[in-house]
Every structure is written in C-alpha cells, then in structure tokens.
Amino acid sequence: REWSIKSREEEIDYAEAHNIPLKINRETNYSKDKNIWHLSH
C-alpha cells in the first residue's frame, strides 16, 4: 500500500536488481498459499 511496485512482474525485476534469489520464474509465477490443510493457486 506504499511502494511504487504494481505487479508481480515488477517484484521480480526488483528482486533481480537486488540479487535476491527466487524459487519461481516469470512462467511459473502463480500466487500460491500452502499449508498442511490446503494449497491455493
């Protein structure tokens, strides 16, 4: 609610610019939530 980032694509750009390793790529960039009860896509 504060930053200028507007999408998950721009988040990936920020991560790459700051050398932050990610387990996803632009093609598998589903928003997921996982716990023992469920997994959402």
ModelCIF file with pLDDT and N, C-alpha, C, O atoms, coordinates in Angstrom:
data_MODEL
#
_entry.id   MODEL 
#
_entity.id                         1 
_entity.type                       polymer 
_entity.pdbx_number_of_molecules   1 
#
_entity_poly.entity_id                      1 
_entity_poly.type                           'polypeptide(L)' 
_entity_poly.nstd_linkage                   no 
_entity_poly.nstd_monomer                   no 
_entity_poly.pdbx_seq_one_letter_code       REWSIKSREEEIDYAEAHNIPLKINRETNYSKDKNIWHLSH 
_entity_poly.pdbx_seq_one_letter_code_can   REWSIKSREEEIDYAEAHNIPLKINRETNYSKDKNIWHLSH 
_entity_poly.pdbx_strand_id                 A 
#
loop_
_entity_poly_seq.entity_id 
_entity_poly_seq.num 
_entity_poly_seq.mon_id 
_entity_poly_seq.hetero 
1 1  ARG n 
1 2  GLU n 
1 3  TRP n 
1 4  SER n 
1 5  ILE n 
1 6  LYS n 
1 7  SER n 
1 8  ARG n 
1 9  GLU n 
1 10 GLU n 
1 11 GLU n 
1 12 ILE n 
1 13 ASP n 
1 14 TYR n 
1 15 ALA n 
1 16 GLU n 
1 17 ALA n 
1 18 HIS n 
1 19 ASN n 
1 20 ILE n 
1 21 PRO n 
1 22 LEU n 
1 23 LYS n 
1 24 ILE n 
1 25 ASN n 
1 26 ARG n 
1 27 GLU n 
1 28 THR n 
1 29 ASN n 
1 30 TYR n 
1 31 SER n 
1 32 LYS n 
1 33 ASP n 
1 34 LYS n 
1 35 ASN n 
1 36 ILE n 
1 37 TRP n 
1 38 HIS n 
1 39 LEU n 
1 40 SER n 
1 41 HIS n 
#
_struct_asym.id          A 
_struct_asym.entity_id   1 
#
loop_
_ma_qa_metric.id 
_ma_qa_metric.mode 
_ma_qa_metric.name 
_ma_qa_metric.software_group_id 
_ma_qa_metric.type 
1 global pLDDT . pLDDT 
2 local  pLDDT . pLDDT 
#
_ma_qa_metric_global.metric_id      1 
_ma_qa_metric_global.metric_value   85.90 
_ma_qa_metric_global.model_id       1 
_ma_qa_metric_global.ordinal_id     1 
#
loop_
_ma_qa_metric_local.label_asym_id 
_ma_qa_metric_local.label_comp_id 
_ma_qa_metric_local.label_seq_id 
_ma_qa_metric_local.metric_id 
_ma_qa_metric_local.metric_value 
_ma_qa_metric_local.model_id 
_ma_qa_metric_local.ordinal_id 
A ARG 1  2 94.00 1 1  
A GLU 2  2 94.00 1 2  
A TRP 3  2 94.00 1 3  
A SER 4  2 90.00 1 4  
A ILE 5  2 91.00 1 5  
A LYS 6  2 86.00 1 6  
A SER 7  2 85.00 1 7  
A ARG 8  2 81.00 1 8  
A GLU 9  2 87.00 1 9  
A GLU 10 2 91.00 1 10 
A GLU 11 2 89.00 1 11 
A ILE 12 2 89.00 1 12 
A ASP 13 2 91.00 1 13 
A TYR 14 2 92.00 1 14 
A ALA 15 2 89.00 1 15 
A GLU 16 2 88.00 1 16 
A ALA 17 2 90.00 1 17 
A HIS 18 2 89.00 1 18 
A ASN 19 2 85.00 1 19 
A ILE 20 2 86.00 1 20 
A PRO 21 2 81.00 1 21 
A LEU 22 2 79.00 1 22 
A LYS 23 2 73.00 1 23 
A ILE 24 2 67.00 1 24 
A ASN 25 2 66.00 1 25 
A ARG 26 2 63.00 1 26 
A GLU 27 2 61.00 1 27 
A THR 28 2 62.00 1 28 
A ASN 29 2 69.00 1 29 
A TYR 30 2 83.00 1 30 
A SER 31 2 84.00 1 31 
A LYS 32 2 89.00 1 32 
A ASP 33 2 91.00 1 33 
A LYS 34 2 94.00 1 34 
A ASN 35 2 97.00 1 35 
A ILE 36 2 98.00 1 36 
A TRP 37 2 98.00 1 37 
A HIS 38 2 98.00 1 38 
A LEU 39 2 97.00 1 39 
A SER 40 2 96.00 1 40 
A HIS 41 2 95.00 1 41 
#
loop_
_atom_site.group_PDB 
_atom_site.id 
_atom_site.type_symbol 
_atom_site.label_atom_id 
_atom_site.label_alt_id 
_atom_site.label_comp_id 
_atom_site.label_asym_id 
_atom_site.label_entity_id 
_atom_site.label_seq_id 
_atom_site.pdbx_PDB_ins_code 
_atom_site.Cartn_x 
_atom_site.Cartn_y 
_atom_site.Cartn_z 
_atom_site.occupancy 
_atom_site.B_iso_or_equiv 
_atom_site.pdbx_formal_charge 
_atom_site.auth_seq_id 
_atom_site.auth_comp_id 
_atom_site.auth_asym_id 
_atom_site.auth_atom_id 
_atom_site.pdbx_PDB_model_num 
ATOM 1   N N  . ARG A 1 1  ? 0.825  -1.209  0.000   1.00 94.00 ? 1  ARG A N  1 
ATOM 2   C CA . ARG A 1 1  ? 0.000  0.000   0.000   1.00 94.00 ? 1  ARG A CA 1 
ATOM 3   C C  . ARG A 1 1  ? 0.864  1.266   0.000   1.00 94.00 ? 1  ARG A C  1 
ATOM 4   O O  . ARG A 1 1  ? 0.349  2.384   0.045   1.00 94.00 ? 1  ARG A O  1 
ATOM 5   N N  . GLU A 1 2  ? 2.183  1.071   -0.051  1.00 94.00 ? 2  GLU A N  1 
ATOM 6   C CA . GLU A 1 2  ? 3.095  2.223   -0.012  1.00 94.00 ? 2  GLU A CA 1 
ATOM 7   C C  . GLU A 1 2  ? 4.012  2.313   -1.224  1.00 94.00 ? 2  GLU A C  1 
ATOM 8   O O  . GLU A 1 2  ? 4.226  3.402   -1.758  1.00 94.00 ? 2  GLU A O  1 
ATOM 9   N N  . TRP A 1 3  ? 4.556  1.182   -1.665  1.00 94.00 ? 3  TRP A N  1 
ATOM 10  C CA . TRP A 1 3  ? 5.603  1.251   -2.678  1.00 94.00 ? 3  TRP A CA 1 
ATOM 11  C C  . TRP A 1 3  ? 5.056  1.482   -4.076  1.00 94.00 ? 3  TRP A C  1 
ATOM 12  O O  . TRP A 1 3  ? 3.845  1.444   -4.294  1.00 94.00 ? 3  TRP A O  1 
ATOM 13  N N  . SER A 1 4  ? 5.955  1.719   -5.016  1.00 90.00 ? 4  SER A N  1 
ATOM 14  C CA . SER A 1 4  ? 5.569  2.015   -6.403  1.00 90.00 ? 4  SER A CA 1 
ATOM 15  C C  . SER A 1 4  ? 5.431  0.740   -7.239  1.00 90.00 ? 4  SER A C  1 
ATOM 16  O O  . SER A 1 4  ? 4.988  0.798   -8.386  1.00 90.00 ? 4  SER A O  1 
ATOM 17  N N  . ILE A 1 5  ? 5.799  -0.381  -6.686  1.00 91.00 ? 5  ILE A N  1 
ATOM 18  C CA . ILE A 1 5  ? 5.674  -1.656  -7.401  1.00 91.00 ? 5  ILE A CA 1 
ATOM 19  C C  . ILE A 1 5  ? 4.198  -1.966  -7.618  1.00 91.00 ? 5  ILE A C  1 
ATOM 20  O O  . ILE A 1 5  ? 3.388  -1.867  -6.696  1.00 91.00 ? 5  ILE A O  1 
ATOM 21  N N  . LYS A 1 6  ? 3.859  -2.343  -8.846  1.00 86.00 ? 6  LYS A N  1 
ATOM 22  C CA . LYS A 1 6  ? 2.446  -2.522  -9.169  1.00 86.00 ? 6  LYS A CA 1 
ATOM 23  C C  . LYS A 1 6  ? 2.073  -3.944  -9.586  1.00 86.00 ? 6  LYS A C  1 
ATOM 24  O O  . LYS A 1 6  ? 0.892  -4.230  -9.779  1.00 86.00 ? 6  LYS A O  1 
ATOM 25  N N  . SER A 1 7  ? 3.047  -4.838  -9.728  1.00 85.00 ? 7  SER A N  1 
ATOM 26  C CA . SER A 1 7  ? 2.740  -6.189  -10.195 1.00 85.00 ? 7  SER A CA 1 
ATOM 27  C C  . SER A 1 7  ? 3.799  -7.168  -9.714  1.00 85.00 ? 7  SER A C  1 
ATOM 28  O O  . SER A 1 7  ? 4.861  -6.772  -9.235  1.00 85.00 ? 7  SER A O  1 
ATOM 29  N N  . ARG A 1 8  ? 3.493  -8.453  -9.849  1.00 81.00 ? 8  ARG A N  1 
ATOM 30  C CA . ARG A 1 8  ? 4.472  -9.480  -9.504  1.00 81.00 ? 8  ARG A CA 1 
ATOM 31  C C  . ARG A 1 8  ? 5.651  -9.446  -10.479 1.00 81.00 ? 8  ARG A C  1 
ATOM 32  O O  . ARG A 1 8  ? 6.774  -9.790  -10.110 1.00 81.00 ? 8  ARG A O  1 
ATOM 33  N N  . GLU A 1 9  ? 5.397  -9.034  -11.719 1.00 87.00 ? 9  GLU A N  1 
ATOM 34  C CA . GLU A 1 9  ? 6.488  -8.881  -12.677 1.00 87.00 ? 9  GLU A CA 1 
ATOM 35  C C  . GLU A 1 9  ? 7.492  -7.839  -12.177 1.00 87.00 ? 9  GLU A C  1 
ATOM 36  O O  . GLU A 1 9  ? 8.703  -8.052  -12.243 1.00 87.00 ? 9  GLU A O  1 
ATOM 37  N N  . GLU A 1 10 ? 6.980  -6.718  -11.680 1.00 91.00 ? 10 GLU A N  1 
ATOM 38  C CA . GLU A 1 10 ? 7.865  -5.671  -11.166 1.00 91.00 ? 10 GLU A CA 1 
ATOM 39  C C  . GLU A 1 10 ? 8.572  -6.119  -9.885  1.00 91.00 ? 10 GLU A C  1 
ATOM 40  O O  . GLU A 1 10 ? 9.691  -5.689  -9.607  1.00 91.00 ? 10 GLU A O  1 
ATOM 41  N N  . GLU A 1 11 ? 7.919  -6.981  -9.111  1.00 89.00 ? 11 GLU A N  1 
ATOM 42  C CA . GLU A 1 11 ? 8.581  -7.556  -7.933  1.00 89.00 ? 11 GLU A CA 1 
ATOM 43  C C  . GLU A 1 11 ? 9.787  -8.387  -8.354  1.00 89.00 ? 11 GLU A C  1 
ATOM 44  O O  . GLU A 1 11 ? 10.848 -8.313  -7.735  1.00 89.00 ? 11 GLU A O  1 
ATOM 45  N N  . ILE A 1 12 ? 9.619  -9.172  -9.402  1.00 89.00 ? 12 ILE A N  1 
ATOM 46  C CA . ILE A 1 12 ? 10.731 -9.979  -9.907  1.00 89.00 ? 12 ILE A CA 1 
ATOM 47  C C  . ILE A 1 12 ? 11.858 -9.079  -10.389 1.00 89.00 ? 12 ILE A C  1 
ATOM 48  O O  . ILE A 1 12 ? 13.033 -9.363  -10.154 1.00 89.00 ? 12 ILE A O  1 
ATOM 49  N N  . ASP A 1 13 ? 11.498 -7.987  -11.067 1.00 91.00 ? 13 ASP A N  1 
ATOM 50  C CA . ASP A 1 13 ? 12.513 -7.015  -11.503 1.00 91.00 ? 13 ASP A CA 1 
ATOM 51  C C  . ASP A 1 13 ? 13.300 -6.486  -10.305 1.00 91.00 ? 13 ASP A C  1 
ATOM 52  O O  . ASP A 1 13 ? 14.527 -6.402  -10.350 1.00 91.00 ? 13 ASP A O  1 
ATOM 53  N N  . TYR A 1 14 ? 12.592 -6.131  -9.237  1.00 92.00 ? 14 TYR A N  1 
ATOM 54  C CA . TYR A 1 14 ? 13.235 -5.596  -8.024  1.00 92.00 ? 14 TYR A CA 1 
ATOM 55  C C  . TYR A 1 14 ? 14.169 -6.651  -7.422  1.00 92.00 ? 14 TYR A C  1 
ATOM 56  O O  . TYR A 1 14 ? 15.295 -6.345  -7.029  1.00 92.00 ? 14 TYR A O  1 
ATOM 57  N N  . ALA A 1 15 ? 13.683 -7.901  -7.356  1.00 89.00 ? 15 ALA A N  1 
ATOM 58  C CA . ALA A 1 15 ? 14.497 -8.983  -6.790  1.00 89.00 ? 15 ALA A CA 1 
ATOM 59  C C  . ALA A 1 15 ? 15.777 -9.185  -7.598  1.00 89.00 ? 15 ALA A C  1 
ATOM 60  O O  . ALA A 1 15 ? 16.860 -9.344  -7.036  1.00 89.00 ? 15 ALA A O  1 
ATOM 61  N N  . GLU A 1 16 ? 15.638 -9.177  -8.918  1.00 88.00 ? 16 GLU A N  1 
ATOM 62  C CA . GLU A 1 16 ? 16.812 -9.378  -9.772  1.00 88.00 ? 16 GLU A CA 1 
ATOM 63  C C  . GLU A 1 16 ? 17.802 -8.228  -9.624  1.00 88.00 ? 16 GLU A C  1 
ATOM 64  O O  . GLU A 1 16 ? 19.014 -8.442  -9.627  1.00 88.00 ? 16 GLU A O  1 
ATOM 65  N N  . ALA A 1 17 ? 17.283 -7.009  -9.493  1.00 90.00 ? 17 ALA A N  1 
ATOM 66  C CA . ALA A 1 17 ? 18.150 -5.839  -9.335  1.00 90.00 ? 17 ALA A CA 1 
ATOM 67  C C  . ALA A 1 17 ? 18.900 -5.853  -8.006  1.00 90.00 ? 17 ALA A C  1 
ATOM 68  O O  . ALA A 1 17 ? 19.980 -5.274  -7.890  1.00 90.00 ? 17 ALA A O  1 
ATOM 69  N N  . HIS A 1 18 ? 18.322 -6.520  -7.002  1.00 89.00 ? 18 HIS A N  1 
ATOM 70  C CA . HIS A 1 18 ? 18.946 -6.583  -5.680  1.00 89.00 ? 18 HIS A CA 1 
ATOM 71  C C  . HIS A 1 18 ? 19.583 -7.948  -5.405  1.00 89.00 ? 18 HIS A C  1 
ATOM 72  O O  . HIS A 1 18 ? 19.954 -8.248  -4.270  1.00 89.00 ? 18 HIS A O  1 
ATOM 73  N N  . ASN A 1 19 ? 19.708 -8.774  -6.454  1.00 85.00 ? 19 ASN A N  1 
ATOM 74  C CA . ASN A 1 19 ? 20.349 -10.095 -6.339  1.00 85.00 ? 19 ASN A CA 1 
ATOM 75  C C  . ASN A 1 19 ? 19.699 -10.981 -5.279  1.00 85.00 ? 19 ASN A C  1 
ATOM 76  O O  . ASN A 1 19 ? 20.376 -11.682 -4.527  1.00 85.00 ? 19 ASN A O  1 
ATOM 77  N N  . ILE A 1 20 ? 18.375 -10.930 -5.242  1.00 86.00 ? 20 ILE A N  1 
ATOM 78  C CA . ILE A 1 20 ? 17.629 -11.756 -4.292  1.00 86.00 ? 20 ILE A CA 1 
ATOM 79  C C  . ILE A 1 20 ? 17.208 -13.044 -5.002  1.00 86.00 ? 20 ILE A C  1 
ATOM 80  O O  . ILE A 1 20 ? 16.486 -12.977 -5.997  1.00 86.00 ? 20 ILE A O  1 
ATOM 81  N N  . PRO A 1 21 ? 17.640 -14.217 -4.518  1.00 81.00 ? 21 PRO A N  1 
ATOM 82  C CA . PRO A 1 21 ? 17.296 -15.481 -5.189  1.00 81.00 ? 21 PRO A CA 1 
ATOM 83  C C  . PRO A 1 21 ? 15.805 -15.806 -5.029  1.00 81.00 ? 21 PRO A C  1 
ATOM 84  O O  . PRO A 1 21 ? 15.223 -15.597 -3.965  1.00 81.00 ? 21 PRO A O  1 
ATOM 85  N N  . LEU A 1 22 ? 15.203 -16.317 -6.098  1.00 79.00 ? 22 LEU A N  1 
ATOM 86  C CA . LEU A 1 22 ? 13.793 -16.696 -6.085  1.00 79.00 ? 22 LEU A CA 1 
ATOM 87  C C  . LEU A 1 22 ? 13.640 -18.140 -6.544  1.00 79.00 ? 22 LEU A C  1 
ATOM 88  O O  . LEU A 1 22 ? 14.430 -18.634 -7.349  1.00 79.00 ? 22 LEU A O  1 
ATOM 89  N N  . LYS A 1 23 ? 12.607 -18.816 -6.020  1.00 73.00 ? 23 LYS A N  1 
ATOM 90  C CA . LYS A 1 23 ? 12.335 -20.200 -6.418  1.00 73.00 ? 23 LYS A CA 1 
ATOM 91  C C  . LYS A 1 23 ? 11.396 -20.275 -7.624  1.00 73.00 ? 23 LYS A C  1 
ATOM 92  O O  . LYS A 1 23 ? 11.129 -21.355 -8.149  1.00 73.00 ? 23 LYS A O  1 
ATOM 93  N N  . ILE A 1 24 ? 10.900 -19.113 -8.053  1.00 67.00 ? 24 ILE A N  1 
ATOM 94  C CA . ILE A 1 24 ? 9.977  -19.083 -9.177  1.00 67.00 ? 24 ILE A CA 1 
ATOM 95  C C  . ILE A 1 24 ? 10.612 -18.357 -10.354 1.00 67.00 ? 24 ILE A C  1 
ATOM 96  O O  . ILE A 1 24 ? 11.668 -17.738 -10.223 1.00 67.00 ? 24 ILE A O  1 
ATOM 97  N N  . ASN A 1 25 ? 9.948  -18.442 -11.513 1.00 66.00 ? 25 ASN A N  1 
ATOM 98  C CA . ASN A 1 25 ? 10.345 -17.632 -12.659 1.00 66.00 ? 25 ASN A CA 1 
ATOM 99  C C  . ASN A 1 25 ? 9.096  -16.981 -13.238 1.00 66.00 ? 25 ASN A C  1 
ATOM 100 O O  . ASN A 1 25 ? 7.998  -17.156 -12.708 1.00 66.00 ? 25 ASN A O  1 
ATOM 101 N N  . ARG A 1 26 ? 9.256  -16.248 -14.297 1.00 63.00 ? 26 ARG A N  1 
ATOM 102 C CA . ARG A 1 26 ? 8.126  -15.488 -14.838 1.00 63.00 ? 26 ARG A CA 1 
ATOM 103 C C  . ARG A 1 26 ? 7.033  -16.391 -15.413 1.00 63.00 ? 26 ARG A C  1 
ATOM 104 O O  . ARG A 1 26 ? 5.886  -15.963 -15.540 1.00 63.00 ? 26 ARG A O  1 
ATOM 105 N N  . GLU A 1 27 ? 7.373  -17.632 -15.762 1.00 61.00 ? 27 GLU A N  1 
ATOM 106 C CA . GLU A 1 27 ? 6.395  -18.550 -16.347 1.00 61.00 ? 27 GLU A CA 1 
ATOM 107 C C  . GLU A 1 27 ? 5.649  -19.346 -15.276 1.00 61.00 ? 27 GLU A C  1 
ATOM 108 O O  . GLU A 1 27 ? 4.541  -19.821 -15.527 1.00 61.00 ? 27 GLU A O  1 
ATOM 109 N N  . THR A 1 28 ? 6.232  -19.500 -14.096 1.00 62.00 ? 28 THR A N  1 
ATOM 110 C CA . THR A 1 28 ? 5.595  -20.285 -13.030 1.00 62.00 ? 28 THR A CA 1 
ATOM 111 C C  . THR A 1 28 ? 5.173  -19.392 -11.867 1.00 62.00 ? 28 THR A C  1 
ATOM 112 O O  . THR A 1 28 ? 5.080  -19.828 -10.720 1.00 62.00 ? 28 THR A O  1 
ATOM 113 N N  . ASN A 1 29 ? 4.922  -18.141 -12.201 1.00 69.00 ? 29 ASN A N  1 
ATOM 114 C CA . ASN A 1 29 ? 4.679  -17.128 -11.178 1.00 69.00 ? 29 ASN A CA 1 
ATOM 115 C C  . ASN A 1 29 ? 3.235  -17.125 -10.674 1.00 69.00 ? 29 ASN A C  1 
ATOM 116 O O  . ASN A 1 29 ? 2.620  -16.063 -10.572 1.00 69.00 ? 29 ASN A O  1 
ATOM 117 N N  . TYR A 1 30 ? 2.687  -18.304 -10.357 1.00 83.00 ? 30 TYR A N  1 
ATOM 118 C CA . TYR A 1 30 ? 1.376  -18.354 -9.720  1.00 83.00 ? 30 TYR A CA 1 
ATOM 119 C C  . TYR A 1 30 ? 1.496  -17.830 -8.290  1.00 83.00 ? 30 TYR A C  1 
ATOM 120 O O  . TYR A 1 30 ? 2.526  -18.004 -7.637  1.00 83.00 ? 30 TYR A O  1 
ATOM 121 N N  . SER A 1 31 ? 0.452  -17.200 -7.824  1.00 84.00 ? 31 SER A N  1 
ATOM 122 C CA . SER A 1 31 ? 0.385  -16.820 -6.419  1.00 84.00 ? 31 SER A CA 1 
ATOM 123 C C  . SER A 1 31 ? -0.166 -18.018 -5.664  1.00 84.00 ? 31 SER A C  1 
ATOM 124 O O  . SER A 1 31 ? -1.299 -18.440 -5.898  1.00 84.00 ? 31 SER A O  1 
ATOM 125 N N  . LYS A 1 32 ? 0.639  -18.567 -4.758  1.00 89.00 ? 32 LYS A N  1 
ATOM 126 C CA . LYS A 1 32 ? 0.240  -19.783 -4.044  1.00 89.00 ? 32 LYS A CA 1 
ATOM 127 C C  . LYS A 1 32 ? 0.281  -19.567 -2.534  1.00 89.00 ? 32 LYS A C  1 
ATOM 128 O O  . LYS A 1 32 ? 1.077  -18.782 -2.019  1.00 89.00 ? 32 LYS A O  1 
ATOM 129 N N  . ASP A 1 33 ? -0.584 -20.275 -1.854  1.00 91.00 ? 33 ASP A N  1 
ATOM 130 C CA . ASP A 1 33 ? -0.525 -20.332 -0.392  1.00 91.00 ? 33 ASP A CA 1 
ATOM 131 C C  . ASP A 1 33 ? -0.651 -21.788 0.013   1.00 91.00 ? 33 ASP A C  1 
ATOM 132 O O  . ASP A 1 33 ? -1.614 -22.461 -0.355  1.00 91.00 ? 33 ASP A O  1 
ATOM 133 N N  . LYS A 1 34 ? 0.324  -22.273 0.771   1.00 94.00 ? 34 LYS A N  1 
ATOM 134 C CA . LYS A 1 34 ? 0.364  -23.686 1.121   1.00 94.00 ? 34 LYS A CA 1 
ATOM 135 C C  . LYS A 1 34 ? 0.456  -23.874 2.618   1.00 94.00 ? 34 LYS A C  1 
ATOM 136 O O  . LYS A 1 34 ? 1.205  -23.174 3.301   1.00 94.00 ? 34 LYS A O  1 
ATOM 137 N N  . ASN A 1 35 ? -0.308 -24.821 3.123   1.00 97.00 ? 35 ASN A N  1 
ATOM 138 C CA . ASN A 1 35 ? -0.158 -25.305 4.488   1.00 97.00 ? 35 ASN A CA 1 
ATOM 139 C C  . ASN A 1 35 ? -0.582 -26.764 4.519   1.00 97.00 ? 35 ASN A C  1 
ATOM 140 O O  . ASN A 1 35 ? -0.893 -27.331 3.472   1.00 97.00 ? 35 ASN A O  1 
ATOM 141 N N  . ILE A 1 36 ? -0.604 -27.380 5.682   1.00 98.00 ? 36 ILE A N  1 
ATOM 142 C CA . ILE A 1 36 ? -0.933 -28.791 5.768   1.00 98.00 ? 36 ILE A CA 1 
ATOM 143 C C  . ILE A 1 36 ? -2.369 -29.079 5.343   1.00 98.00 ? 36 ILE A C  1 
ATOM 144 O O  . ILE A 1 36 ? -2.693 -30.207 4.973   1.00 98.00 ? 36 ILE A O  1 
ATOM 145 N N  . TRP A 1 37 ? -3.223 -28.070 5.395   1.00 98.00 ? 37 TRP A N  1 
ATOM 146 C CA . TRP A 1 37 ? -4.643 -28.237 5.084   1.00 98.00 ? 37 TRP A CA 1 
ATOM 147 C C  . TRP A 1 37 ? -4.935 -28.081 3.599   1.00 98.00 ? 37 TRP A C  1 
ATOM 148 O O  . TRP A 1 37 ? -5.811 -28.763 3.068   1.00 98.00 ? 37 TRP A O  1 
ATOM 149 N N  . HIS A 1 38 ? -4.209 -27.187 2.916   1.00 98.00 ? 38 HIS A N  1 
ATOM 150 C CA . HIS A 1 38 ? -4.559 -26.926 1.517   1.00 98.00 ? 38 HIS A CA 1 
ATOM 151 C C  . HIS A 1 38 ? -3.409 -26.287 0.746   1.00 98.00 ? 38 HIS A C  1 
ATOM 152 O O  . HIS A 1 38 ? -2.358 -25.960 1.296   1.00 98.00 ? 38 HIS A O  1 
ATOM 153 N N  . LEU A 1 39 ? -3.658 -26.121 -0.565  1.00 97.00 ? 39 LEU A N  1 
ATOM 154 C CA . LEU A 1 39 ? -2.793 -25.332 -1.426  1.00 97.00 ? 39 LEU A CA 1 
ATOM 155 C C  . LEU A 1 39 ? -3.686 -24.551 -2.374  1.00 97.00 ? 39 LEU A C  1 
ATOM 156 O O  . LEU A 1 39 ? -4.566 -25.123 -3.018  1.00 97.00 ? 39 LEU A O  1 
ATOM 157 N N  . SER A 1 40 ? -3.460 -23.236 -2.461  1.00 96.00 ? 40 SER A N  1 
ATOM 158 C CA . SER A 1 40 ? -4.240 -22.400 -3.374  1.00 96.00 ? 40 SER A CA 1 
ATOM 159 C C  . SER A 1 40 ? -3.382 -21.963 -4.547  1.00 96.00 ? 40 SER A C  1 
ATOM 160 O O  . SER A 1 40 ? -2.173 -21.778 -4.411  1.00 96.00 ? 40 SER A O  1 
ATOM 161 N N  . HIS A 1 41 ? -4.021 -21.799 -5.709  1.00 95.00 ? 41 HIS A N  1 
ATOM 162 C CA . HIS A 1 41 ? -3.366 -21.306 -6.920  1.00 95.00 ? 41 HIS A CA 1 
ATOM 163 C C  . HIS A 1 41 ? -4.164 -20.117 -7.448  1.00 95.00 ? 41 HIS A C  1 
ATOM 164 O O  . HIS A 1 41 ? -3.799 -19.534 -8.469  1.00 95.00 ? 41 HIS A O  1 
#
